Amino acid sequence: MTLQLMDAIFYIVILVMSVVIHEVSHGFVAEYFGDKTARYAGRLTLNPLSHLDLFGSIILPAFLIISKAGFLFGWAKPVPYNPNNLSNKKWGSIAVAGAGVLANFCLALFFGFILRFFTYFSFGLRMSVSFYFIISLIVMVNLALVIFNLVPIPPLDGSKIIFPLLPRYFDGVVRLFEQYSLFLLIIFIIFFADFLHPILAFAYHLITGLVF
């Protein structure tokens, strides 16, 4: 097995587990606000087989890695929820949308602090290259998911967090974003994804004290 193939496998496994945790977090917060749709659908599980999207979870990430596209993108099957069941429809919906982003951010923080601890307070302990690579990858993938999902283009979480907070006179703009969401998302990925790299590098350095 070549090094490139092994790296691709690590990337995909970490991405899949990160998006699974992202989606399960949506479901648990929805349940907290009174909607059990995800539980009834059997989606409140960390078993990746319940969440995998063949194209978004495996084929697309593998293609981006092998083609050295410069960024990593993927998704799992969205966890279903019914906003009409939420005890507070506005803030409940915002909390559900933000739960996945918050989960990925907490993962990045936790593993980032592990890197920082071993870097500055190792007390003579040595981190193996493979361990360092995997932990770094977890931090970078989860930070990338946080940054990308905060982009306010439907169906990304950023739109579900920001749009409900906008004044009513933005309704026309919101409808345009929803109507042309696929087109806008493709345009963003093609032309603007590279601008996320400096943000990712800064966030990674801020959490770990390291550069990549």
N, C-alpha and C. Protein backbone atom coordinates (compact mmCIF):
# COMPACT_ATOMS: atom_id res chain seq x y z
N MET A 1 0.85 -1.19 0.00
CA MET A 1 0.00 0.00 0.00
C MET A 1 0.88 1.25 0.00
N THR A 2 0.68 2.14 -0.99
CA THR A 2 1.52 3.32 -1.10
C THR A 2 1.18 4.32 0.01
N LEU A 3 2.16 5.23 0.26
CA LEU A 3 1.96 6.25 1.29
C LEU A 3 0.79 7.16 0.93
N GLN A 4 0.66 7.49 -0.35
CA GLN A 4 -0.43 8.37 -0.78
C GLN A 4 -1.79 7.71 -0.52
N LEU A 5 -1.89 6.41 -0.81
CA LEU A 5 -3.14 5.71 -0.57
C LEU A 5 -3.46 5.63 0.91
N MET A 6 -2.44 5.38 1.73
CA MET A 6 -2.65 5.33 3.18
C MET A 6 -3.12 6.68 3.71
N ASP A 7 -2.49 7.76 3.23
CA ASP A 7 -2.90 9.10 3.64
C ASP A 7 -4.35 9.36 3.24
N ALA A 8 -4.72 8.94 2.03
CA ALA A 8 -6.09 9.14 1.55
C ALA A 8 -7.07 8.39 2.44
N ILE A 9 -6.72 7.18 2.84
CA ILE A 9 -7.59 6.39 3.71
C ILE A 9 -7.76 7.07 5.06
N PHE A 10 -6.64 7.55 5.63
CA PHE A 10 -6.73 8.27 6.91
C PHE A 10 -7.62 9.50 6.77
N TYR A 11 -7.44 10.27 5.71
CA TYR A 11 -8.26 11.45 5.48
C TYR A 11 -9.74 11.08 5.46
N ILE A 12 -10.07 10.06 4.69
CA ILE A 12 -11.48 9.70 4.51
C ILE A 12 -12.09 9.18 5.80
N VAL A 13 -11.35 8.33 6.53
CA VAL A 13 -11.85 7.80 7.80
C VAL A 13 -12.11 8.94 8.79
N ILE A 14 -11.15 9.86 8.91
CA ILE A 14 -11.31 10.98 9.84
C ILE A 14 -12.45 11.89 9.40
N LEU A 15 -12.55 12.15 8.09
CA LEU A 15 -13.64 12.98 7.59
C LEU A 15 -14.98 12.33 7.87
N VAL A 16 -15.10 11.04 7.59
CA VAL A 16 -16.37 10.34 7.79
C VAL A 16 -16.80 10.40 9.25
N MET A 17 -15.88 10.08 10.17
CA MET A 17 -16.23 10.11 11.59
C MET A 17 -16.56 11.52 12.06
N SER A 18 -15.89 12.52 11.50
CA SER A 18 -16.14 13.91 11.89
C SER A 18 -17.53 14.37 11.42
N VAL A 19 -17.90 14.00 10.19
CA VAL A 19 -19.22 14.41 9.71
C VAL A 19 -20.32 13.59 10.38
N VAL A 20 -20.02 12.34 10.77
CA VAL A 20 -21.00 11.55 11.52
C VAL A 20 -21.29 12.22 12.87
N ILE A 21 -20.24 12.61 13.58
CA ILE A 21 -20.43 13.32 14.86
C ILE A 21 -21.17 14.62 14.63
N HIS A 22 -20.87 15.30 13.55
CA HIS A 22 -21.56 16.54 13.18
C HIS A 22 -23.06 16.29 13.05
N GLU A 23 -23.43 15.26 12.30
CA GLU A 23 -24.84 14.98 12.05
C GLU A 23 -25.56 14.48 13.30
N VAL A 24 -24.92 13.61 14.06
CA VAL A 24 -25.53 13.10 15.29
C VAL A 24 -25.79 14.24 16.27
N SER A 25 -24.90 15.22 16.31
CA SER A 25 -25.09 16.38 17.19
C SER A 25 -26.36 17.13 16.82
N HIS A 26 -26.62 17.29 15.52
CA HIS A 26 -27.89 17.89 15.09
C HIS A 26 -29.07 17.15 15.71
N GLY A 27 -29.03 15.82 15.61
CA GLY A 27 -30.13 15.00 16.09
C GLY A 27 -30.35 15.10 17.58
N PHE A 28 -29.26 15.09 18.35
CA PHE A 28 -29.38 15.15 19.81
C PHE A 28 -29.94 16.50 20.27
N VAL A 29 -29.50 17.58 19.62
CA VAL A 29 -30.02 18.89 20.01
C VAL A 29 -31.48 19.02 19.60
N ALA A 30 -31.85 18.48 18.44
CA ALA A 30 -33.26 18.48 18.05
C ALA A 30 -34.10 17.73 19.07
N GLU A 31 -33.58 16.60 19.55
CA GLU A 31 -34.30 15.84 20.57
C GLU A 31 -34.42 16.63 21.87
N TYR A 32 -33.36 17.35 22.22
CA TYR A 32 -33.40 18.19 23.43
C TYR A 32 -34.52 19.21 23.34
N PHE A 33 -34.78 19.73 22.13
CA PHE A 33 -35.84 20.71 21.95
C PHE A 33 -37.19 20.06 21.63
N GLY A 34 -37.27 18.73 21.75
CA GLY A 34 -38.57 18.08 21.67
C GLY A 34 -38.85 17.27 20.42
N ASP A 35 -37.91 17.22 19.47
CA ASP A 35 -38.16 16.47 18.23
C ASP A 35 -37.37 15.16 18.23
N LYS A 36 -38.07 14.06 18.16
CA LYS A 36 -37.44 12.73 18.21
C LYS A 36 -37.35 12.07 16.83
N THR A 37 -37.47 12.86 15.78
CA THR A 37 -37.45 12.30 14.42
C THR A 37 -36.18 11.50 14.16
N ALA A 38 -35.04 12.05 14.55
CA ALA A 38 -33.75 11.37 14.31
C ALA A 38 -33.68 10.05 15.07
N ARG A 39 -34.19 10.03 16.29
CA ARG A 39 -34.17 8.79 17.08
C ARG A 39 -35.07 7.74 16.44
N TYR A 40 -36.26 8.13 16.02
CA TYR A 40 -37.17 7.18 15.39
C TYR A 40 -36.60 6.65 14.08
N ALA A 41 -35.76 7.46 13.42
CA ALA A 41 -35.15 7.04 12.15
C ALA A 41 -33.89 6.20 12.38
N GLY A 42 -33.50 6.01 13.64
CA GLY A 42 -32.31 5.22 13.94
C GLY A 42 -31.02 5.93 13.61
N ARG A 43 -31.02 7.27 13.66
CA ARG A 43 -29.85 8.03 13.24
C ARG A 43 -29.05 8.61 14.41
N LEU A 44 -29.48 8.36 15.64
CA LEU A 44 -28.69 8.84 16.79
C LEU A 44 -27.67 7.78 17.18
N THR A 45 -26.82 7.45 16.25
CA THR A 45 -25.78 6.44 16.45
C THR A 45 -24.50 6.90 15.78
N LEU A 46 -23.37 6.48 16.35
CA LEU A 46 -22.08 6.81 15.74
C LEU A 46 -21.64 5.77 14.72
N ASN A 47 -22.49 4.79 14.47
CA ASN A 47 -22.18 3.80 13.44
C ASN A 47 -22.19 4.49 12.08
N PRO A 48 -21.04 4.59 11.42
CA PRO A 48 -20.98 5.35 10.16
C PRO A 48 -21.86 4.77 9.06
N LEU A 49 -22.16 3.48 9.13
CA LEU A 49 -22.98 2.85 8.09
C LEU A 49 -24.39 3.44 8.05
N SER A 50 -24.82 4.01 9.17
CA SER A 50 -26.15 4.62 9.22
C SER A 50 -26.17 6.02 8.61
N HIS A 51 -25.00 6.57 8.35
CA HIS A 51 -24.91 7.97 7.91
C HIS A 51 -24.23 8.16 6.57
N LEU A 52 -23.55 7.13 6.08
CA LEU A 52 -22.72 7.30 4.88
C LEU A 52 -23.53 7.69 3.65
N ASP A 53 -23.01 8.66 2.94
CA ASP A 53 -23.48 9.00 1.61
C ASP A 53 -22.36 8.57 0.66
N LEU A 54 -22.65 7.64 -0.23
CA LEU A 54 -21.59 7.04 -1.04
C LEU A 54 -20.77 8.10 -1.78
N PHE A 55 -21.45 9.05 -2.39
CA PHE A 55 -20.71 10.06 -3.15
C PHE A 55 -20.06 11.08 -2.22
N GLY A 56 -20.84 11.65 -1.28
CA GLY A 56 -20.34 12.73 -0.44
C GLY A 56 -19.36 12.30 0.62
N SER A 57 -19.46 11.04 1.08
CA SER A 57 -18.60 10.58 2.18
C SER A 57 -17.36 9.84 1.70
N ILE A 58 -17.40 9.28 0.49
CA ILE A 58 -16.28 8.44 0.05
C ILE A 58 -15.73 8.88 -1.32
N ILE A 59 -16.58 8.88 -2.35
CA ILE A 59 -16.09 9.11 -3.71
C ILE A 59 -15.50 10.52 -3.87
N LEU A 60 -16.26 11.55 -3.46
CA LEU A 60 -15.79 12.92 -3.62
C LEU A 60 -14.53 13.20 -2.80
N PRO A 61 -14.50 12.85 -1.49
CA PRO A 61 -13.24 13.09 -0.73
C PRO A 61 -12.05 12.36 -1.32
N ALA A 62 -12.26 11.11 -1.76
CA ALA A 62 -11.15 10.35 -2.35
C ALA A 62 -10.65 11.03 -3.62
N PHE A 63 -11.57 11.51 -4.44
CA PHE A 63 -11.18 12.20 -5.68
C PHE A 63 -10.40 13.47 -5.37
N LEU A 64 -10.86 14.26 -4.39
CA LEU A 64 -10.18 15.52 -4.04
C LEU A 64 -8.78 15.26 -3.50
N ILE A 65 -8.64 14.20 -2.72
CA ILE A 65 -7.33 13.88 -2.15
C ILE A 65 -6.37 13.40 -3.23
N ILE A 66 -6.82 12.44 -4.03
CA ILE A 66 -5.96 11.85 -5.05
C ILE A 66 -5.59 12.88 -6.13
N SER A 67 -6.53 13.77 -6.45
CA SER A 67 -6.26 14.78 -7.47
C SER A 67 -5.51 15.99 -6.92
N LYS A 68 -5.22 15.98 -5.59
CA LYS A 68 -4.50 17.08 -4.93
C LYS A 68 -5.20 18.41 -5.20
N ALA A 69 -6.50 18.42 -4.93
CA ALA A 69 -7.31 19.60 -5.23
C ALA A 69 -6.97 20.79 -4.35
N GLY A 70 -6.35 20.54 -3.19
CA GLY A 70 -5.99 21.65 -2.31
C GLY A 70 -6.98 21.90 -1.20
N PHE A 71 -8.13 21.23 -1.24
CA PHE A 71 -9.10 21.34 -0.17
C PHE A 71 -9.86 20.02 -0.06
N LEU A 72 -10.46 19.81 1.11
CA LEU A 72 -11.19 18.58 1.38
C LEU A 72 -12.63 18.91 1.68
N PHE A 73 -13.55 18.22 1.05
CA PHE A 73 -14.96 18.50 1.22
C PHE A 73 -15.73 17.19 1.18
N GLY A 74 -16.76 17.11 1.99
CA GLY A 74 -17.59 15.91 1.99
C GLY A 74 -18.76 16.09 2.92
N TRP A 75 -19.66 15.12 2.92
CA TRP A 75 -20.82 15.20 3.77
C TRP A 75 -21.37 13.81 4.05
N ALA A 76 -22.21 13.72 5.07
CA ALA A 76 -22.95 12.50 5.36
C ALA A 76 -24.42 12.76 5.06
N LYS A 77 -25.25 11.72 5.12
CA LYS A 77 -26.68 11.92 4.94
C LYS A 77 -27.19 12.80 6.08
N PRO A 78 -27.92 13.86 5.76
CA PRO A 78 -28.42 14.73 6.83
C PRO A 78 -29.32 13.96 7.81
N VAL A 79 -29.14 14.24 9.08
CA VAL A 79 -30.02 13.66 10.09
C VAL A 79 -31.38 14.37 10.00
N PRO A 80 -32.46 13.63 9.88
CA PRO A 80 -33.77 14.28 9.73
C PRO A 80 -34.28 14.88 11.03
N TYR A 81 -34.94 16.00 10.91
CA TYR A 81 -35.64 16.56 12.07
C TYR A 81 -36.81 17.39 11.57
N ASN A 82 -37.81 17.53 12.41
CA ASN A 82 -39.01 18.28 12.06
C ASN A 82 -39.07 19.55 12.90
N PRO A 83 -38.82 20.72 12.30
CA PRO A 83 -38.81 21.96 13.08
C PRO A 83 -40.14 22.27 13.75
N ASN A 84 -41.22 21.69 13.22
CA ASN A 84 -42.53 21.93 13.82
C ASN A 84 -42.67 21.26 15.18
N ASN A 85 -41.80 20.29 15.47
CA ASN A 85 -41.85 19.61 16.76
C ASN A 85 -41.02 20.31 17.84
N LEU A 86 -40.24 21.31 17.46
CA LEU A 86 -39.35 21.96 18.41
C LEU A 86 -40.14 22.84 19.37
N SER A 87 -39.73 22.84 20.61
CA SER A 87 -40.41 23.65 21.62
C SER A 87 -40.24 25.13 21.35
N ASN A 88 -39.14 25.52 20.73
CA ASN A 88 -38.91 26.90 20.32
C ASN A 88 -38.41 26.84 18.88
N LYS A 89 -39.30 27.16 17.94
CA LYS A 89 -38.99 26.92 16.53
C LYS A 89 -37.81 27.77 16.05
N LYS A 90 -37.77 29.05 16.42
CA LYS A 90 -36.70 29.92 15.93
C LYS A 90 -35.36 29.54 16.54
N TRP A 91 -35.26 29.62 17.88
CA TRP A 91 -34.00 29.38 18.54
C TRP A 91 -33.65 27.89 18.56
N GLY A 92 -34.67 27.05 18.54
CA GLY A 92 -34.41 25.61 18.45
C GLY A 92 -33.77 25.25 17.13
N SER A 93 -34.29 25.85 16.04
CA SER A 93 -33.72 25.59 14.71
C SER A 93 -32.28 26.11 14.61
N ILE A 94 -32.04 27.29 15.19
CA ILE A 94 -30.68 27.83 15.19
C ILE A 94 -29.74 26.94 15.99
N ALA A 95 -30.21 26.45 17.14
CA ALA A 95 -29.39 25.57 17.98
C ALA A 95 -29.09 24.26 17.27
N VAL A 96 -30.08 23.70 16.59
CA VAL A 96 -29.87 22.45 15.84
C VAL A 96 -28.82 22.66 14.76
N ALA A 97 -28.93 23.77 14.03
CA ALA A 97 -27.97 24.06 12.97
C ALA A 97 -26.56 24.26 13.53
N GLY A 98 -26.48 24.94 14.67
CA GLY A 98 -25.17 25.24 15.25
C GLY A 98 -24.53 24.06 15.95
N ALA A 99 -25.33 23.03 16.27
CA ALA A 99 -24.80 21.91 17.04
C ALA A 99 -23.69 21.17 16.32
N GLY A 100 -23.85 20.96 15.02
CA GLY A 100 -22.82 20.25 14.27
C GLY A 100 -21.52 21.01 14.20
N VAL A 101 -21.62 22.32 13.95
CA VAL A 101 -20.44 23.18 13.91
C VAL A 101 -19.74 23.18 15.26
N LEU A 102 -20.54 23.29 16.34
CA LEU A 102 -19.96 23.31 17.69
C LEU A 102 -19.27 21.99 18.00
N ALA A 103 -19.86 20.87 17.58
CA ALA A 103 -19.26 19.56 17.82
C ALA A 103 -17.90 19.45 17.14
N ASN A 104 -17.81 19.89 15.88
CA ASN A 104 -16.53 19.85 15.17
C ASN A 104 -15.51 20.78 15.79
N PHE A 105 -15.96 21.94 16.27
CA PHE A 105 -15.05 22.87 16.91
C PHE A 105 -14.51 22.29 18.21
N CYS A 106 -15.36 21.62 18.98
CA CYS A 106 -14.91 21.00 20.23
C CYS A 106 -13.91 19.89 19.96
N LEU A 107 -14.13 19.11 18.90
CA LEU A 107 -13.16 18.07 18.53
C LEU A 107 -11.82 18.69 18.16
N ALA A 108 -11.86 19.78 17.38
CA ALA A 108 -10.62 20.46 16.99
C ALA A 108 -9.89 21.00 18.21
N LEU A 109 -10.64 21.58 19.15
CA LEU A 109 -10.03 22.10 20.37
C LEU A 109 -9.39 20.99 21.19
N PHE A 110 -10.12 19.90 21.39
CA PHE A 110 -9.63 18.81 22.23
C PHE A 110 -8.34 18.23 21.69
N PHE A 111 -8.34 17.87 20.40
CA PHE A 111 -7.14 17.26 19.83
C PHE A 111 -6.05 18.30 19.58
N GLY A 112 -6.44 19.56 19.38
CA GLY A 112 -5.44 20.61 19.25
C GLY A 112 -4.68 20.83 20.55
N PHE A 113 -5.39 20.73 21.67
CA PHE A 113 -4.73 20.89 22.96
C PHE A 113 -3.81 19.71 23.26
N ILE A 114 -4.15 18.53 22.73
CA ILE A 114 -3.24 17.38 22.86
C ILE A 114 -1.92 17.68 22.16
N LEU A 115 -2.00 18.23 20.95
CA LEU A 115 -0.77 18.60 20.23
C LEU A 115 0.01 19.67 20.99
N ARG A 116 -0.71 20.66 21.50
CA ARG A 116 -0.04 21.73 22.24
C ARG A 116 0.62 21.19 23.50
N PHE A 117 -0.04 20.25 24.18
CA PHE A 117 0.51 19.67 25.41
C PHE A 117 1.81 18.93 25.11
N PHE A 118 1.78 18.09 24.06
CA PHE A 118 2.98 17.32 23.74
C PHE A 118 4.11 18.21 23.22
N THR A 119 3.73 19.34 22.62
CA THR A 119 4.75 20.24 22.09
C THR A 119 5.47 21.00 23.20
N TYR A 120 4.69 21.46 24.19
CA TYR A 120 5.26 22.35 25.21
C TYR A 120 5.46 21.69 26.57
N PHE A 121 4.72 20.62 26.85
CA PHE A 121 4.79 20.03 28.18
C PHE A 121 4.98 18.52 28.11
N SER A 122 5.81 18.07 27.20
CA SER A 122 5.97 16.63 26.98
C SER A 122 6.79 15.95 28.07
N PHE A 123 7.58 16.72 28.84
CA PHE A 123 8.39 16.16 29.92
C PHE A 123 9.25 14.98 29.43
N GLY A 124 9.82 15.16 28.25
CA GLY A 124 10.70 14.13 27.72
C GLY A 124 10.00 13.08 26.90
N LEU A 125 8.64 13.08 26.87
CA LEU A 125 7.91 12.11 26.05
C LEU A 125 8.02 12.53 24.59
N ARG A 126 8.02 11.56 23.71
CA ARG A 126 8.11 11.85 22.29
C ARG A 126 6.86 11.36 21.58
N MET A 127 6.33 12.21 20.71
CA MET A 127 5.17 11.85 19.93
C MET A 127 5.64 11.24 18.61
N SER A 128 5.14 10.05 18.29
CA SER A 128 5.55 9.41 17.05
C SER A 128 5.03 10.21 15.86
N VAL A 129 5.69 10.06 14.73
CA VAL A 129 5.31 10.81 13.53
C VAL A 129 3.89 10.46 13.11
N SER A 130 3.54 9.17 13.15
CA SER A 130 2.21 8.74 12.73
C SER A 130 1.13 9.28 13.67
N PHE A 131 1.41 9.29 14.98
CA PHE A 131 0.46 9.82 15.94
C PHE A 131 0.26 11.33 15.71
N TYR A 132 1.38 12.03 15.51
CA TYR A 132 1.31 13.47 15.23
C TYR A 132 0.50 13.74 13.96
N PHE A 133 0.72 12.93 12.94
CA PHE A 133 0.01 13.10 11.67
C PHE A 133 -1.49 12.93 11.86
N ILE A 134 -1.89 11.88 12.56
CA ILE A 134 -3.32 11.59 12.75
C ILE A 134 -4.00 12.68 13.58
N ILE A 135 -3.36 13.08 14.68
CA ILE A 135 -3.95 14.12 15.52
C ILE A 135 -4.05 15.44 14.76
N SER A 136 -3.01 15.78 14.02
CA SER A 136 -3.04 17.00 13.21
C SER A 136 -4.16 16.95 12.19
N LEU A 137 -4.33 15.78 11.60
CA LEU A 137 -5.37 15.60 10.60
C LEU A 137 -6.76 15.79 11.20
N ILE A 138 -6.97 15.26 12.39
CA ILE A 138 -8.26 15.42 13.07
C ILE A 138 -8.55 16.90 13.30
N VAL A 139 -7.53 17.64 13.76
CA VAL A 139 -7.71 19.07 14.02
C VAL A 139 -8.04 19.80 12.72
N MET A 140 -7.27 19.56 11.68
CA MET A 140 -7.45 20.28 10.42
C MET A 140 -8.79 19.96 9.77
N VAL A 141 -9.17 18.68 9.76
CA VAL A 141 -10.44 18.29 9.13
C VAL A 141 -11.61 18.94 9.86
N ASN A 142 -11.59 18.91 11.19
CA ASN A 142 -12.71 19.47 11.94
C ASN A 142 -12.75 20.99 11.85
N LEU A 143 -11.59 21.64 11.83
CA LEU A 143 -11.59 23.08 11.62
C LEU A 143 -12.11 23.44 10.23
N ALA A 144 -11.73 22.64 9.24
CA ALA A 144 -12.22 22.89 7.88
C ALA A 144 -13.73 22.74 7.82
N LEU A 145 -14.27 21.74 8.52
CA LEU A 145 -15.73 21.55 8.54
C LEU A 145 -16.42 22.73 9.23
N VAL A 146 -15.81 23.22 10.30
CA VAL A 146 -16.38 24.39 10.99
C VAL A 146 -16.43 25.59 10.06
N ILE A 147 -15.30 25.90 9.45
CA ILE A 147 -15.20 27.09 8.60
C ILE A 147 -16.13 26.98 7.41
N PHE A 148 -16.12 25.82 6.75
CA PHE A 148 -16.93 25.66 5.54
C PHE A 148 -18.41 25.69 5.86
N ASN A 149 -18.81 25.01 6.94
CA ASN A 149 -20.24 24.95 7.27
C ASN A 149 -20.79 26.29 7.75
N LEU A 150 -19.94 27.21 8.16
CA LEU A 150 -20.40 28.53 8.57
C LEU A 150 -20.65 29.47 7.39
N VAL A 151 -20.28 29.05 6.18
CA VAL A 151 -20.58 29.85 5.00
C VAL A 151 -22.10 29.92 4.83
N PRO A 152 -22.68 31.12 4.72
CA PRO A 152 -24.15 31.24 4.70
C PRO A 152 -24.79 30.96 3.34
N ILE A 153 -24.53 29.77 2.81
CA ILE A 153 -25.17 29.34 1.57
C ILE A 153 -25.94 28.06 1.87
N PRO A 154 -27.25 28.03 1.59
CA PRO A 154 -28.01 26.79 1.81
C PRO A 154 -27.41 25.65 0.99
N PRO A 155 -27.38 24.42 1.49
CA PRO A 155 -27.95 23.97 2.77
C PRO A 155 -26.95 23.97 3.93
N LEU A 156 -25.84 24.72 3.80
CA LEU A 156 -24.83 24.73 4.85
C LEU A 156 -25.41 25.35 6.13
N ASP A 157 -24.85 24.95 7.27
CA ASP A 157 -25.39 25.36 8.56
C ASP A 157 -25.36 26.87 8.76
N GLY A 158 -24.39 27.54 8.14
CA GLY A 158 -24.29 28.98 8.31
C GLY A 158 -25.56 29.70 7.89
N SER A 159 -26.20 29.22 6.82
CA SER A 159 -27.45 29.84 6.37
C SER A 159 -28.57 29.62 7.38
N LYS A 160 -28.58 28.46 8.02
CA LYS A 160 -29.64 28.16 8.99
C LYS A 160 -29.43 28.87 10.32
N ILE A 161 -28.20 29.32 10.54
CA ILE A 161 -27.91 30.10 11.76
C ILE A 161 -28.16 31.58 11.52
N ILE A 162 -27.74 32.09 10.36
CA ILE A 162 -27.78 33.53 10.10
C ILE A 162 -29.14 33.99 9.57
N PHE A 163 -29.73 33.25 8.62
CA PHE A 163 -30.96 33.71 7.97
C PHE A 163 -32.11 33.97 8.95
N PRO A 164 -32.34 33.11 9.97
CA PRO A 164 -33.44 33.40 10.90
C PRO A 164 -33.22 34.67 11.73
N LEU A 165 -31.98 35.14 11.80
CA LEU A 165 -31.67 36.33 12.60
C LEU A 165 -31.79 37.62 11.79
N LEU A 166 -31.95 37.51 10.46
CA LEU A 166 -32.00 38.69 9.61
C LEU A 166 -33.37 39.37 9.72
N PRO A 167 -33.40 40.71 9.59
CA PRO A 167 -34.69 41.42 9.56
C PRO A 167 -35.55 40.97 8.38
N ARG A 168 -36.84 41.22 8.46
CA ARG A 168 -37.77 40.74 7.44
C ARG A 168 -37.47 41.28 6.05
N TYR A 169 -36.89 42.49 5.95
CA TYR A 169 -36.65 43.05 4.62
C TYR A 169 -35.54 42.33 3.86
N PHE A 170 -34.90 41.35 4.51
CA PHE A 170 -33.93 40.50 3.81
C PHE A 170 -34.58 39.24 3.24
N ASP A 171 -35.89 39.10 3.38
CA ASP A 171 -36.57 37.87 2.95
C ASP A 171 -36.35 37.61 1.46
N GLY A 172 -36.35 38.66 0.65
CA GLY A 172 -36.14 38.48 -0.79
C GLY A 172 -34.74 37.94 -1.09
N VAL A 173 -33.74 38.44 -0.38
CA VAL A 173 -32.37 37.96 -0.56
C VAL A 173 -32.26 36.51 -0.11
N VAL A 174 -32.91 36.17 1.00
CA VAL A 174 -32.88 34.80 1.50
C VAL A 174 -33.51 33.86 0.48
N ARG A 175 -34.63 34.26 -0.11
CA ARG A 175 -35.28 33.40 -1.11
C ARG A 175 -34.39 33.20 -2.33
N LEU A 176 -33.66 34.24 -2.74
CA LEU A 176 -32.73 34.10 -3.86
C LEU A 176 -31.62 33.12 -3.53
N PHE A 177 -31.07 33.22 -2.32
CA PHE A 177 -30.02 32.30 -1.90
C PHE A 177 -30.55 30.87 -1.89
N GLU A 178 -31.78 30.67 -1.43
CA GLU A 178 -32.36 29.32 -1.37
C GLU A 178 -32.65 28.80 -2.77
N GLN A 179 -33.11 29.68 -3.67
CA GLN A 179 -33.46 29.27 -5.02
C GLN A 179 -32.23 28.88 -5.84
N TYR A 180 -31.13 29.60 -5.64
CA TYR A 180 -29.92 29.35 -6.43
C TYR A 180 -28.80 28.77 -5.57
N SER A 181 -29.16 28.06 -4.52
CA SER A 181 -28.17 27.57 -3.56
C SER A 181 -27.14 26.65 -4.19
N LEU A 182 -27.58 25.72 -5.04
CA LEU A 182 -26.63 24.79 -5.66
C LEU A 182 -25.63 25.54 -6.53
N PHE A 183 -26.13 26.47 -7.32
CA PHE A 183 -25.26 27.26 -8.19
C PHE A 183 -24.28 28.08 -7.37
N LEU A 184 -24.77 28.73 -6.31
CA LEU A 184 -23.91 29.55 -5.46
C LEU A 184 -22.85 28.71 -4.76
N LEU A 185 -23.25 27.51 -4.34
CA LEU A 185 -22.30 26.62 -3.65
C LEU A 185 -21.20 26.16 -4.60
N ILE A 186 -21.56 25.83 -5.82
CA ILE A 186 -20.56 25.41 -6.80
C ILE A 186 -19.60 26.56 -7.11
N ILE A 187 -20.15 27.76 -7.30
CA ILE A 187 -19.32 28.94 -7.55
C ILE A 187 -18.36 29.18 -6.39
N PHE A 188 -18.88 29.05 -5.18
CA PHE A 188 -18.03 29.27 -4.00
C PHE A 188 -16.90 28.25 -3.96
N ILE A 189 -17.22 26.98 -4.17
CA ILE A 189 -16.20 25.92 -4.11
C ILE A 189 -15.12 26.15 -5.16
N ILE A 190 -15.54 26.56 -6.37
CA ILE A 190 -14.59 26.72 -7.47
C ILE A 190 -13.70 27.95 -7.28
N PHE A 191 -14.30 29.07 -6.88
CA PHE A 191 -13.58 30.34 -6.91
C PHE A 191 -13.12 30.85 -5.55
N PHE A 192 -13.77 30.41 -4.47
CA PHE A 192 -13.48 31.03 -3.18
C PHE A 192 -12.96 30.07 -2.12
N ALA A 193 -12.95 28.76 -2.39
CA ALA A 193 -12.51 27.81 -1.37
C ALA A 193 -11.06 28.06 -0.96
N ASP A 194 -10.24 28.52 -1.91
CA ASP A 194 -8.83 28.77 -1.59
C ASP A 194 -8.67 29.87 -0.53
N PHE A 195 -9.64 30.78 -0.44
CA PHE A 195 -9.55 31.85 0.54
C PHE A 195 -9.74 31.33 1.97
N LEU A 196 -10.29 30.11 2.08
CA LEU A 196 -10.48 29.54 3.41
C LEU A 196 -9.17 29.01 3.99
N HIS A 197 -8.18 28.75 3.14
CA HIS A 197 -6.93 28.16 3.61
C HIS A 197 -6.20 29.05 4.61
N PRO A 198 -6.06 30.37 4.36
CA PRO A 198 -5.41 31.21 5.39
C PRO A 198 -6.16 31.22 6.72
N ILE A 199 -7.49 31.17 6.65
CA ILE A 199 -8.30 31.14 7.88
C ILE A 199 -8.04 29.83 8.62
N LEU A 200 -8.00 28.73 7.86
CA LEU A 200 -7.73 27.42 8.45
C LEU A 200 -6.34 27.39 9.08
N ALA A 201 -5.35 27.92 8.37
CA ALA A 201 -3.98 27.93 8.88
C ALA A 201 -3.89 28.76 10.17
N PHE A 202 -4.57 29.90 10.19
CA PHE A 202 -4.55 30.75 11.38
C PHE A 202 -5.21 30.05 12.56
N ALA A 203 -6.37 29.43 12.33
CA ALA A 203 -7.09 28.74 13.41
C ALA A 203 -6.28 27.56 13.93
N TYR A 204 -5.64 26.83 13.03
CA TYR A 204 -4.81 25.69 13.43
C TYR A 204 -3.66 26.16 14.31
N HIS A 205 -3.01 27.23 13.91
CA HIS A 205 -1.89 27.77 14.69
C HIS A 205 -2.36 28.29 16.05
N LEU A 206 -3.53 28.94 16.04
CA LEU A 206 -4.06 29.51 17.29
C LEU A 206 -4.33 28.41 18.32
N ILE A 207 -4.85 27.27 17.86
CA ILE A 207 -5.20 26.18 18.78
C ILE A 207 -4.00 25.34 19.18
N THR A 208 -3.14 25.01 18.23
CA THR A 208 -2.05 24.08 18.49
C THR A 208 -0.71 24.76 18.76
N GLY A 209 -0.57 26.01 18.31
CA GLY A 209 0.73 26.69 18.40
C GLY A 209 1.68 26.25 17.31
N LEU A 210 1.19 25.45 16.35
CA LEU A 210 2.02 24.91 15.27
C LEU A 210 1.58 25.49 13.94
N VAL A 211 2.36 25.22 12.91
CA VAL A 211 2.01 25.63 11.55
C VAL A 211 1.93 24.38 10.68
N PHE A 212 1.16 24.50 9.60
CA PHE A 212 1.11 23.39 8.66
C PHE A 212 1.21 23.92 7.24
